[in-house]
Amino acid sequence: MKMAYPIEIFYDGSCVVCNTEMQVFRKRNPQNRLRFVDISAPDFSALDYGKTQEELMEKLHVLDKEGRFVTGIDAFMVIWQAYPSGSVYRLLSAFVGFPGINLLSRCGYTLFARNRHLLPKRKKQCPDGSCQVKDPR
């Protein structure tokens, strides 16, 4: 899917893995094509984007400048495509696009997203460890 950059990445900053990954993207932000929105921040309002907090917490969301949302593995692929041709991220996007790899990636991401509530929370934003991530079962 061709996206219009810059894109906004909606991520859970209270999730250690999610936050660490966004820090890596933030350091290598090609031409400022990526913007980061921490949906665990106290002043964040999902309704401003026509979504619920639960929807956004369920999986990674990316919003392009034309108002199109992409989620999950597709969102990662859009992020990776923001990087220059020949970069590791661009190659990763192409690799994950292969049918068998894509299916495994989707399954792996779904498993992670459903169980990330079990991961430790960042203490800065979640001192008691009970952030907005809920067990989806």
Protein backbone atom coordinates (compact mmCIF):
# COMPACT_ATOMS: atom_id res chain seq x y z
CA MET A 1 0.00 0.00 0.00
CA LYS A 2 1.34 3.40 -0.97
CA MET A 3 1.07 5.83 1.94
CA ALA A 4 1.35 9.60 2.01
CA TYR A 5 4.15 10.75 4.30
CA PRO A 6 4.65 11.91 6.95
CA ILE A 7 2.87 9.22 8.91
CA GLU A 8 1.83 9.17 12.55
CA ILE A 9 2.72 6.04 14.49
CA PHE A 10 0.39 5.31 17.41
CA TYR A 11 2.27 3.21 19.94
CA ASP A 12 1.96 2.24 23.60
CA GLY A 13 4.77 4.09 25.37
CA SER A 14 4.08 2.13 28.57
CA CYS A 15 5.11 -1.12 26.83
CA VAL A 16 8.85 -1.64 27.21
CA VAL A 17 9.23 -3.46 23.88
CA CYS A 18 7.03 -1.01 21.96
CA ASN A 19 8.75 2.04 23.42
CA THR A 20 12.24 0.65 22.75
CA GLU A 21 11.35 -0.07 19.14
CA MET A 22 9.98 3.43 18.62
CA GLN A 23 13.17 4.90 20.10
CA VAL A 24 15.15 3.06 17.41
CA PHE A 25 12.86 4.42 14.67
CA ARG A 26 13.01 7.90 16.21
CA LYS A 27 16.84 7.95 16.02
CA ARG A 28 16.79 7.01 12.34
CA ASN A 29 13.81 9.04 11.18
CA PRO A 30 14.33 9.53 7.42
CA GLN A 31 13.55 13.13 6.45
CA ASN A 32 11.16 13.34 9.42
CA ARG A 33 8.73 11.05 7.63
CA LEU A 34 7.75 9.46 10.94
CA ARG A 35 5.83 11.13 13.75
CA PHE A 36 5.30 9.39 17.06
CA VAL A 37 2.15 9.46 19.17
CA ASP A 38 2.31 7.81 22.60
CA ILE A 39 -1.21 6.58 23.21
CA SER A 40 -0.45 5.88 26.88
CA ALA A 41 0.23 9.56 27.59
CA PRO A 42 -2.30 11.07 30.02
CA ASP A 43 -3.26 13.86 27.60
CA PHE A 44 -3.81 11.57 24.60
CA SER A 45 -7.38 11.31 23.29
CA ALA A 46 -8.17 8.45 20.91
CA LEU A 47 -11.50 10.07 20.07
CA ASP A 48 -9.59 12.90 18.34
CA TYR A 49 -8.71 10.29 15.72
CA GLY A 50 -12.11 8.59 15.54
CA LYS A 51 -10.88 5.56 17.49
CA THR A 52 -11.30 4.20 20.98
CA GLN A 53 -8.38 3.77 23.36
CA GLU A 54 -9.01 0.02 23.32
CA GLU A 55 -8.78 -0.12 19.51
CA LEU A 56 -5.46 1.70 19.51
CA MET A 57 -4.08 -0.40 22.37
CA GLU A 58 -4.99 -3.61 20.55
CA LYS A 59 -2.25 -3.27 17.91
CA LEU A 60 0.09 -0.79 16.26
CA HIS A 61 -1.66 1.84 14.14
CA VAL A 62 -0.23 4.13 11.48
CA LEU A 63 -2.10 7.11 10.03
CA ASP A 64 -0.98 8.78 6.82
CA LYS A 65 -1.46 12.44 5.96
CA GLU A 66 -4.51 11.56 3.86
CA GLY A 67 -6.29 10.06 6.87
CA ARG A 68 -5.82 6.35 6.10
CA PHE A 69 -5.13 3.95 8.96
CA VAL A 70 -3.06 0.78 8.64
CA THR A 71 -2.57 -1.68 11.51
CA GLY A 72 -0.42 -4.55 12.73
CA ILE A 73 2.22 -5.98 10.39
CA ASP A 74 0.97 -3.75 7.58
CA ALA A 75 1.74 -0.76 9.81
CA PHE A 76 5.30 -2.01 10.33
CA MET A 77 5.70 -2.45 6.59
CA VAL A 78 4.58 1.14 6.00
CA ILE A 79 7.07 2.38 8.62
CA TRP A 80 9.89 0.37 7.03
CA GLN A 81 8.99 1.70 3.57
CA ALA A 82 9.64 5.23 4.84
CA TYR A 83 13.35 4.39 4.79
CA PRO A 84 15.55 4.79 1.70
CA SER A 85 15.80 2.07 -0.94
CA GLY A 86 18.47 -0.47 -0.09
CA SER A 87 18.21 0.14 3.66
CA VAL A 88 17.77 -2.80 6.01
CA TYR A 89 14.25 -1.61 6.85
CA ARG A 90 13.21 -1.40 3.20
CA LEU A 91 14.59 -4.90 2.61
CA LEU A 92 12.75 -6.15 5.70
CA SER A 93 9.52 -4.74 4.32
CA ALA A 94 10.03 -6.60 1.05
CA PHE A 95 10.96 -9.80 2.89
CA VAL A 96 7.86 -9.69 5.10
CA GLY A 97 5.80 -9.19 1.94
CA PHE A 98 6.53 -12.75 0.75
CA PRO A 99 3.40 -14.90 1.24
CA GLY A 100 4.74 -17.51 3.70
CA ILE A 101 6.82 -14.99 5.62
CA ASN A 102 3.88 -12.59 5.72
CA LEU A 103 1.61 -15.24 7.22
CA LEU A 104 4.19 -16.15 9.88
CA SER A 105 4.77 -12.45 10.63
CA ARG A 106 1.05 -11.83 11.06
CA CYS A 107 0.70 -14.81 13.37
CA GLY A 108 3.75 -13.81 15.40
CA TYR A 109 2.62 -10.20 15.73
CA THR A 110 -0.90 -11.24 16.72
CA LEU A 111 0.52 -13.51 19.40
CA PHE A 112 2.74 -10.71 20.71
CA ALA A 113 -0.04 -8.08 20.62
CA ARG A 114 -2.47 -10.32 22.50
CA ASN A 115 0.04 -11.10 25.22
CA ARG A 116 2.04 -7.91 25.64
CA HIS A 117 -0.04 -7.02 28.68
CA LEU A 118 2.08 -9.66 30.44
CA LEU A 119 5.29 -7.67 29.82
CA PRO A 120 6.64 -5.31 32.49
CA LYS A 121 5.44 -1.72 32.13
CA ARG A 122 7.61 1.36 32.05
CA LYS A 123 7.56 2.70 35.59
CA LYS A 124 7.69 6.34 34.51
CA GLN A 125 4.19 6.20 33.05
CA CYS A 126 2.81 3.24 34.95
CA PRO A 127 4.09 3.36 38.52
CA ASP A 128 1.70 0.68 39.72
CA GLY A 129 2.07 -1.48 36.57
CA SER A 130 -1.61 -1.24 35.72
CA CYS A 131 -1.69 0.74 32.50
CA GLN A 132 -4.50 0.78 30.02
CA VAL A 133 -3.45 -2.44 28.31
CA LYS A 134 -6.03 -5.06 29.14
CA ASP A 135 -6.10 -8.79 28.67
CA PRO A 136 -8.11 -9.16 25.42
CA ARG A 137 -9.64 -12.46 26.49
